[in-house]
Amino acid sequence: MKTQLTKDWQITIPSEIRHRLGLREGDELLLIVTDREIRLRPVKKRRLSEFRGTLPATKPYPGKAAIRKVVAESLARKISES
């Protein structure tokens, strides 16, 4: 499938490809450049819940409140150090 560069150096991804890959306006695309080739790869944002079970648990889950507290304390330390 072909497309053209516009005078503003933009391209249009044909609708068949957009639908096939589930692309929507505002989606990010990764450009991979090799010697004489450009590849586009969609960067899909994933929810944190999709990663559940991908790593072995070394400690029991402390709950959202405990995690938020640790994150807040860490951010507060970084702010006070700068």
PDB file of N, CA and C in Angstrom:
ATOM      1  N   MET A   1       0.849  -1.177   0.000  1.00  0.00           N
ATOM      2  CA  MET A   1       0.000   0.000   0.000  1.00  0.00           C
ATOM      3  C   MET A   1       0.896   1.242   0.000  1.00  0.00           C
ATOM      4  N   LYS A   2       0.511   2.254  -0.735  1.00  0.00           N
ATOM      5  CA  LYS A   2       1.317   3.474  -0.845  1.00  0.00           C
ATOM      6  C   LYS A   2       0.603   4.651  -0.205  1.00  0.00           C
ATOM      7  N   THR A   3       1.406   5.631   0.196  1.00  0.00           N
ATOM      8  CA  THR A   3       0.898   6.909   0.681  1.00  0.00           C
ATOM      9  C   THR A   3       1.907   7.971   0.267  1.00  0.00           C
ATOM     10  N   GLN A   4       1.548   9.239   0.384  1.00  0.00           N
ATOM     11  CA  GLN A   4       2.446  10.319  -0.029  1.00  0.00           C
ATOM     12  C   GLN A   4       2.717  11.260   1.133  1.00  0.00           C
ATOM     13  N   LEU A   5       3.874  11.905   1.066  1.00  0.00           N
ATOM     14  CA  LEU A   5       4.191  12.981   1.994  1.00  0.00           C
ATOM     15  C   LEU A   5       3.469  14.237   1.543  1.00  0.00           C
ATOM     16  N   THR A   6       2.892  14.972   2.488  1.00  0.00           N
ATOM     17  CA  THR A   6       2.275  16.248   2.151  1.00  0.00           C
ATOM     18  C   THR A   6       3.337  17.333   2.173  1.00  0.00           C
ATOM     19  N   LYS A   7       2.937  18.547   1.788  1.00  0.00           N
ATOM     20  CA  LYS A   7       3.894  19.657   1.819  1.00  0.00           C
ATOM     21  C   LYS A   7       4.337  19.982   3.241  1.00  0.00           C
ATOM     22  N   ASP A   8       3.560  19.546   4.246  1.00  0.00           N
ATOM     23  CA  ASP A   8       3.923  19.742   5.656  1.00  0.00           C
ATOM     24  C   ASP A   8       4.674  18.532   6.223  1.00  0.00           C
ATOM     25  N   TRP A   9       5.137  17.638   5.350  1.00  0.00           N
ATOM     26  CA  TRP A   9       5.908  16.443   5.720  1.00  0.00           C
ATOM     27  C   TRP A   9       5.091  15.442   6.542  1.00  0.00           C
ATOM     28  N   GLN A  10       3.815  15.346   6.282  1.00  0.00           N
ATOM     29  CA  GLN A  10       2.944  14.401   6.981  1.00  0.00           C
ATOM     30  C   GLN A  10       2.498  13.314   6.021  1.00  0.00           C
ATOM     31  N   ILE A  11       2.089  12.168   6.588  1.00  0.00           N
ATOM     32  CA  ILE A  11       1.527  11.098   5.776  1.00  0.00           C
ATOM     33  C   ILE A  11       0.163  10.724   6.346  1.00  0.00           C
ATOM     34  N   THR A  12      -0.658  10.103   5.518  1.00  0.00           N
ATOM     35  CA  THR A  12      -1.942   9.573   5.956  1.00  0.00           C
ATOM     36  C   THR A  12      -1.840   8.060   5.966  1.00  0.00           C
ATOM     37  N   ILE A  13      -2.219   7.455   7.070  1.00  0.00           N
ATOM     38  CA  ILE A  13      -2.251   5.998   7.147  1.00  0.00           C
ATOM     39  C   ILE A  13      -3.603   5.564   6.586  1.00  0.00           C
ATOM     40  N   PRO A  14      -3.615   4.737   5.562  1.00  0.00           N
ATOM     41  CA  PRO A  14      -4.880   4.326   4.953  1.00  0.00           C
ATOM     42  C   PRO A  14      -5.841   3.706   5.971  1.00  0.00           C
ATOM     43  N   SER A  15      -7.133   3.934   5.748  1.00  0.00           N
ATOM     44  CA  SER A  15      -8.148   3.492   6.707  1.00  0.00           C
ATOM     45  C   SER A  15      -8.116   1.982   6.933  1.00  0.00           C
ATOM     46  N   GLU A  16      -7.821   1.209   5.896  1.00  0.00           N
ATOM     47  CA  GLU A  16      -7.744  -0.246   6.057  1.00  0.00           C
ATOM     48  C   GLU A  16      -6.715  -0.633   7.119  1.00  0.00           C
ATOM     49  N   ILE A  17      -5.564   0.034   7.102  1.00  0.00           N
ATOM     50  CA  ILE A  17      -4.498  -0.244   8.073  1.00  0.00           C
ATOM     51  C   ILE A  17      -4.901   0.270   9.452  1.00  0.00           C
ATOM     52  N   ARG A  18      -5.486   1.473   9.511  1.00  0.00           N
ATOM     53  CA  ARG A  18      -5.920   2.024  10.805  1.00  0.00           C
ATOM     54  C   ARG A  18      -6.917   1.096  11.481  1.00  0.00           C
ATOM     55  N   HIS A  19      -7.880   0.600  10.709  1.00  0.00           N
ATOM     56  CA  HIS A  19      -8.892  -0.294  11.279  1.00  0.00           C
ATOM     57  C   HIS A  19      -8.280  -1.630  11.701  1.00  0.00           C
ATOM     58  N   ARG A  20      -7.418  -2.151  10.859  1.00  0.00           N
ATOM     59  CA  ARG A  20      -6.783  -3.447  11.147  1.00  0.00           C
ATOM     60  C   ARG A  20      -5.970  -3.402  12.440  1.00  0.00           C
ATOM     61  N   LEU A  21      -5.283  -2.272  12.676  1.00  0.00           N
ATOM     62  CA  LEU A  21      -4.446  -2.140  13.874  1.00  0.00           C
ATOM     63  C   LEU A  21      -5.184  -1.491  15.038  1.00  0.00           C
ATOM     64  N   GLY A  22      -6.419  -1.071  14.815  1.00  0.00           N
ATOM     65  CA  GLY A  22      -7.192  -0.448  15.892  1.00  0.00           C
ATOM     66  C   GLY A  22      -6.661   0.923  16.283  1.00  0.00           C
ATOM     67  N   LEU A  23      -6.104   1.651  15.314  1.00  0.00           N
ATOM     68  CA  LEU A  23      -5.547   2.977  15.600  1.00  0.00           C
ATOM     69  C   LEU A  23      -6.660   4.009  15.704  1.00  0.00           C
ATOM     70  N   ARG A  24      -6.447   4.963  16.595  1.00  0.00           N
ATOM     71  CA  ARG A  24      -7.401   6.058  16.766  1.00  0.00           C
ATOM     72  C   ARG A  24      -6.635   7.379  16.780  1.00  0.00           C
ATOM     73  N   GLU A  25      -7.354   8.445  16.542  1.00  0.00           N
ATOM     74  CA  GLU A  25      -6.740   9.769  16.574  1.00  0.00           C
ATOM     75  C   GLU A  25      -6.067   9.977  17.925  1.00  0.00           C
ATOM     76  N   GLY A  26      -4.839  10.464  17.890  1.00  0.00           N
ATOM     77  CA  GLY A  26      -4.099  10.729  19.121  1.00  0.00           C
ATOM     78  C   GLY A  26      -3.210   9.581  19.562  1.00  0.00           C
ATOM     79  N   ASP A  27      -3.352   8.388  18.951  1.00  0.00           N
ATOM     80  CA  ASP A  27      -2.478   7.277  19.299  1.00  0.00           C
ATOM     81  C   ASP A  27      -1.042   7.630  18.961  1.00  0.00           C
ATOM     82  N   GLU A  28      -0.119   7.092  19.735  1.00  0.00           N
ATOM     83  CA  GLU A  28       1.297   7.322  19.481  1.00  0.00           C
ATOM     84  C   GLU A  28       1.841   6.220  18.593  1.00  0.00           C
ATOM     85  N   LEU A  29       2.781   6.613  17.722  1.00  0.00           N
ATOM     86  CA  LEU A  29       3.449   5.663  16.838  1.00  0.00           C
ATOM     87  C   LEU A  29       4.947   5.778  17.062  1.00  0.00           C
ATOM     88  N   LEU A  30       5.615   4.641  17.138  1.00  0.00           N
ATOM     89  CA  LEU A  30       7.058   4.596  17.276  1.00  0.00           C
ATOM     90  C   LEU A  30       7.659   4.508  15.886  1.00  0.00           C
ATOM     91  N   LEU A  31       8.610   5.378  15.555  1.00  0.00           N
ATOM     92  CA  LEU A  31       9.297   5.327  14.273  1.00  0.00           C
ATOM     93  C   LEU A  31      10.620   4.608  14.470  1.00  0.00           C
ATOM     94  N   ILE A  32      10.810   3.539  13.702  1.00  0.00           N
ATOM     95  CA  ILE A  32      12.042   2.762  13.755  1.00  0.00           C
ATOM     96  C   ILE A  32      12.751   2.990  12.430  1.00  0.00           C
ATOM     97  N   VAL A  33      13.943   3.585  12.485  1.00  0.00           N
ATOM     98  CA  VAL A  33      14.677   3.954  11.279  1.00  0.00           C
ATOM     99  C   VAL A  33      15.892   3.041  11.139  1.00  0.00           C
ATOM    100  N   THR A  34      15.998   2.395   9.985  1.00  0.00           N
ATOM    101  CA  THR A  34      17.186   1.612   9.652  1.00  0.00           C
ATOM    102  C   THR A  34      17.867   2.303   8.481  1.00  0.00           C
ATOM    103  N   ASP A  35      18.779   1.646   7.817  1.00  0.00           N
ATOM    104  CA  ASP A  35      19.550   2.282   6.744  1.00  0.00           C
ATOM    105  C   ASP A  35      18.680   3.039   5.745  1.00  0.00           C
ATOM    106  N   ARG A  36      17.732   2.362   5.132  1.00  0.00           N
ATOM    107  CA  ARG A  36      16.902   3.006   4.111  1.00  0.00           C
ATOM    108  C   ARG A  36      15.432   2.668   4.305  1.00  0.00           C
ATOM    109  N   GLU A  37      15.043   2.505   5.546  1.00  0.00           N
ATOM    110  CA  GLU A  37      13.685   2.072   5.822  1.00  0.00           C
ATOM    111  C   GLU A  37      13.152   2.769   7.071  1.00  0.00           C
ATOM    112  N   ILE A  38      11.859   3.062   7.054  1.00  0.00           N
ATOM    113  CA  ILE A  38      11.180   3.614   8.223  1.00  0.00           C
ATOM    114  C   ILE A  38      10.034   2.660   8.544  1.00  0.00           C
ATOM    115  N   ARG A  39       9.981   2.210   9.768  1.00  0.00           N
ATOM    116  CA  ARG A  39       8.866   1.366  10.215  1.00  0.00           C
ATOM    117  C   ARG A  39       8.085   2.121  11.270  1.00  0.00           C
ATOM    118  N   LEU A  40       6.777   1.972  11.219  1.00  0.00           N
ATOM    119  CA  LEU A  40       5.900   2.568  12.223  1.00  0.00           C
ATOM    120  C   LEU A  40       5.329   1.453  13.077  1.00  0.00           C
ATOM    121  N   ARG A  41       5.347   1.639  14.377  1.00  0.00           N
ATOM    122  CA  ARG A  41       4.788   0.644  15.276  1.00  0.00           C
ATOM    123  C   ARG A  41       3.883   1.362  16.275  1.00  0.00           C
ATOM    124  N   PRO A  42       2.636   0.922  16.415  1.00  0.00           N
ATOM    125  CA  PRO A  42       1.749   1.568  17.392  1.00  0.00           C
ATOM    126  C   PRO A  42       2.264   1.361  18.807  1.00  0.00           C
ATOM    127  N   VAL A  43       2.143   2.401  19.612  1.00  0.00           N
ATOM    128  CA  VAL A  43       2.498   2.328  21.025  1.00  0.00           C
ATOM    129  C   VAL A  43       1.178   2.359  21.780  1.00  0.00           C
ATOM    130  N   LYS A  44       0.747   1.211  22.228  1.00  0.00           N
ATOM    131  CA  LYS A  44      -0.532   1.117  22.929  1.00  0.00           C
ATOM    132  C   LYS A  44      -0.294   1.281  24.425  1.00  0.00           C
ATOM    133  N   LYS A  45      -1.015   2.199  25.008  1.00  0.00           N
ATOM    134  CA  LYS A  45      -0.940   2.382  26.450  1.00  0.00           C
ATOM    135  C   LYS A  45      -1.745   1.267  27.095  1.00  0.00           C
ATOM    136  N   ARG A  46      -1.189   0.689  28.136  1.00  0.00           N
ATOM    137  CA  ARG A  46      -1.865  -0.412  28.802  1.00  0.00           C
ATOM    138  C   ARG A  46      -2.150  -0.038  30.245  1.00  0.00           C
ATOM    139  N   ARG A  47      -3.246  -0.560  30.725  1.00  0.00           N
ATOM    140  CA  ARG A  47      -3.594  -0.327  32.119  1.00  0.00           C
ATOM    141  C   ARG A  47      -2.701  -1.178  33.015  1.00  0.00           C
ATOM    142  N   LEU A  48      -2.424  -0.687  34.197  1.00  0.00           N
ATOM    143  CA  LEU A  48      -1.586  -1.399  35.135  1.00  0.00           C
ATOM    144  C   LEU A  48      -2.162  -2.786  35.433  1.00  0.00           C
ATOM    145  N   SER A  49      -3.471  -2.900  35.465  1.00  0.00           N
ATOM    146  CA  SER A  49      -4.105  -4.184  35.773  1.00  0.00           C
ATOM    147  C   SER A  49      -3.767  -5.260  34.735  1.00  0.00           C
ATOM    148  N   GLU A  50      -3.394  -4.852  33.524  1.00  0.00           N
ATOM    149  CA  GLU A  50      -3.036  -5.828  32.498  1.00  0.00           C
ATOM    150  C   GLU A  50      -1.716  -6.529  32.799  1.00  0.00           C
ATOM    151  N   PHE A  51      -0.910  -5.966  33.678  1.00  0.00           N
ATOM    152  CA  PHE A  51       0.384  -6.550  34.020  1.00  0.00           C
ATOM    153  C   PHE A  51       0.305  -7.497  35.217  1.00  0.00           C
ATOM    154  N   ARG A  52      -0.873  -7.622  35.794  1.00  0.00           N
ATOM    155  CA  ARG A  52      -1.029  -8.476  36.968  1.00  0.00           C
ATOM    156  C   ARG A  52      -0.599  -9.897  36.644  1.00  0.00           C
ATOM    157  N   GLY A  53       0.237 -10.434  37.508  1.00  0.00           N
ATOM    158  CA  GLY A  53       0.685 -11.807  37.350  1.00  0.00           C
ATOM    159  C   GLY A  53       1.895 -11.984  36.454  1.00  0.00           C
ATOM    160  N   THR A  54       2.458 -10.901  35.926  1.00  0.00           N
ATOM    161  CA  THR A  54       3.613 -11.044  35.033  1.00  0.00           C
ATOM    162  C   THR A  54       4.913 -11.231  35.801  1.00  0.00           C
ATOM    163  N   LEU A  55       4.965 -10.772  37.038  1.00  0.00           N
ATOM    164  CA  LEU A  55       6.156 -10.932  37.863  1.00  0.00           C
ATOM    165  C   LEU A  55       5.809 -11.768  39.094  1.00  0.00           C
ATOM    166  N   PRO A  56       6.765 -12.539  39.574  1.00  0.00           N
ATOM    167  CA  PRO A  56       6.470 -13.317  40.781  1.00  0.00           C
ATOM    168  C   PRO A  56       6.348 -12.393  41.991  1.00  0.00           C
ATOM    169  N   ALA A  57       5.407 -12.700  42.853  1.00  0.00           N
ATOM    170  CA  ALA A  57       5.204 -11.900  44.065  1.00  0.00           C
ATOM    171  C   ALA A  57       6.233 -12.320  45.110  1.00  0.00           C
ATOM    172  N   THR A  58       6.947 -11.334  45.650  1.00  0.00           N
ATOM    173  CA  THR A  58       7.909 -11.632  46.717  1.00  0.00           C
ATOM    174  C   THR A  58       7.339 -11.248  48.075  1.00  0.00           C
ATOM    175  N   LYS A  59       6.304 -10.395  48.074  1.00  0.00           N
ATOM    176  CA  LYS A  59       5.633  -9.970  49.304  1.00  0.00           C
ATOM    177  C   LYS A  59       4.137  -9.940  49.030  1.00  0.00           C
ATOM    178  N   PRO A  60       3.332 -10.084  50.060  1.00  0.00           N
ATOM    179  CA  PRO A  60       1.888  -9.949  49.841  1.00  0.00           C
ATOM    180  C   PRO A  60       1.537  -8.507  49.456  1.00  0.00           C
ATOM    181  N   TYR A  61       0.489  -8.346  48.685  1.00  0.00           N
ATOM    182  CA  TYR A  61       0.039  -7.028  48.239  1.00  0.00           C
ATOM    183  C   TYR A  61      -0.433  -6.218  49.450  1.00  0.00           C
ATOM    184  N   PRO A  62       0.168  -5.030  49.693  1.00  0.00           N
ATOM    185  CA  PRO A  62      -0.187  -4.257  50.881  1.00  0.00           C
ATOM    186  C   PRO A  62      -1.468  -3.440  50.731  1.00  0.00           C
ATOM    187  N   GLY A  63      -1.983  -3.304  49.514  1.00  0.00           N
ATOM    188  CA  GLY A  63      -3.182  -2.502  49.285  1.00  0.00           C
ATOM    189  C   GLY A  63      -2.836  -1.143  48.702  1.00  0.00           C
ATOM    190  N   LYS A  64      -3.844  -0.508  48.078  1.00  0.00           N
ATOM    191  CA  LYS A  64      -3.633   0.783  47.402  1.00  0.00           C
ATOM    192  C   LYS A  64      -3.198   1.867  48.367  1.00  0.00           C
ATOM    193  N   ALA A  65      -3.809   1.914  49.537  1.00  0.00           N
ATOM    194  CA  ALA A  65      -3.492   2.986  50.497  1.00  0.00           C
ATOM    195  C   ALA A  65      -2.022   2.945  50.891  1.00  0.00           C
ATOM    196  N   ALA A  66      -1.510   1.762  51.162  1.00  0.00           N
ATOM    197  CA  ALA A  66      -0.103   1.630  51.560  1.00  0.00           C
ATOM    198  C   ALA A  66       0.823   2.020  50.418  1.00  0.00           C
ATOM    199  N   ILE A  67       0.483   1.624  49.205  1.00  0.00           N
ATOM    200  CA  ILE A  67       1.309   1.969  48.045  1.00  0.00           C
ATOM    201  C   ILE A  67       1.295   3.472  47.816  1.00  0.00           C
ATOM    202  N   ARG A  68       0.128   4.088  47.894  1.00  0.00           N
ATOM    203  CA  ARG A  68       0.027   5.541  47.720  1.00  0.00           C
ATOM    204  C   ARG A  68       0.843   6.280  48.772  1.00  0.00           C
ATOM    205  N   LYS A  69       0.842   5.766  49.999  1.00  0.00           N
ATOM    206  CA  LYS A  69       1.607   6.400  51.078  1.00  0.00           C
ATOM    207  C   LYS A  69       3.104   6.351  50.764  1.00  0.00           C
ATOM    208  N   VAL A  70       3.598   5.196  50.319  1.00  0.00           N
ATOM    209  CA  VAL A  70       5.019   5.055  49.993  1.00  0.00           C
ATOM    210  C   VAL A  70       5.392   5.974  48.832  1.00  0.00           C
ATOM    211  N   VAL A  71       4.550   6.040  47.824  1.00  0.00           N
ATOM    212  CA  VAL A  71       4.818   6.907  46.671  1.00  0.00           C
ATOM    213  C   VAL A  71       4.829   8.374  47.104  1.00  0.00           C
ATOM    214  N   ALA A  72       3.870   8.782  47.912  1.00  0.00           N
ATOM    215  CA  ALA A  72       3.806  10.169  48.390  1.00  0.00           C
ATOM    216  C   ALA A  72       5.045  10.523  49.201  1.00  0.00           C
ATOM    217  N   GLU A  73       5.477   9.610  50.067  1.00  0.00           N
ATOM    218  CA  GLU A  73       6.685   9.866  50.877  1.00  0.00           C
ATOM    219  C   GLU A  73       7.919   9.979  49.987  1.00  0.00           C
ATOM    220  N   SER A  74       8.006   9.131  48.968  1.00  0.00           N
ATOM    221  CA  SER A  74       9.136   9.174  48.055  1.00  0.00           C
ATOM    222  C   SER A  74       9.168  10.489  47.275  1.00  0.00           C
ATOM    223  N   LEU A  75       7.993  10.928  46.781  1.00  0.00           N
ATOM    224  CA  LEU A  75       7.925  12.210  46.064  1.00  0.00           C
ATOM    225  C   LEU A  75       8.264  13.376  46.977  1.00  0.00           C
ATOM    226  N   ALA A  76       7.811  13.325  48.218  1.00  0.00           N
ATOM    227  CA  ALA A  76       8.094  14.394  49.168  1.00  0.00           C
ATOM    228  C   ALA A  76       9.597  14.485  49.433  1.00  0.00           C
ATOM    229  N   ARG A  77      10.266  13.326  49.545  1.00  0.00           N
ATOM    230  CA  ARG A  77      11.725  13.322  49.741  1.00  0.00           C
ATOM    231  C   ARG A  77      12.436  13.940  48.546  1.00  0.00           C
ATOM    232  N   LYS A  78      12.011  13.576  47.333  1.00  0.00           N
ATOM    233  CA  LYS A  78      12.632  14.133  46.128  1.00  0.00           C
ATOM    234  C   LYS A  78      12.461  15.631  46.046  1.00  0.00           C
ATOM    235  N   ILE A  79      11.269  16.116  46.407  1.00  0.00           N
ATOM    236  CA  ILE A  79      11.004  17.556  46.369  1.00  0.00           C
ATOM    237  C   ILE A  79      11.852  18.290  47.399  1.00  0.00           C
ATOM    238  N   SER A  80      11.962  17.730  48.601  1.00  0.00           N
ATOM    239  CA  SER A  80      12.726  18.402  49.653  1.00  0.00           C
ATOM    240  C   SER A  80      14.225  18.385  49.371  1.00  0.00           C
ATOM    241  N   GLU A  81      14.697  17.401  48.596  1.00  0.00           N
ATOM    242  CA  GLU A  81      16.122  17.315  48.243  1.00  0.00           C
ATOM    243  C   GLU A  81      16.510  18.301  47.145  1.00  0.00           C
ATOM    244  N   SER A  82      15.518  18.755  46.368  1.00  0.00           N
ATOM    245  CA  SER A  82      15.864  19.650  45.252  1.00  0.00           C
ATOM    246  C   SER A  82      15.730  21.106  45.620  1.00  0.00           C
TER     247      SER A  82
END
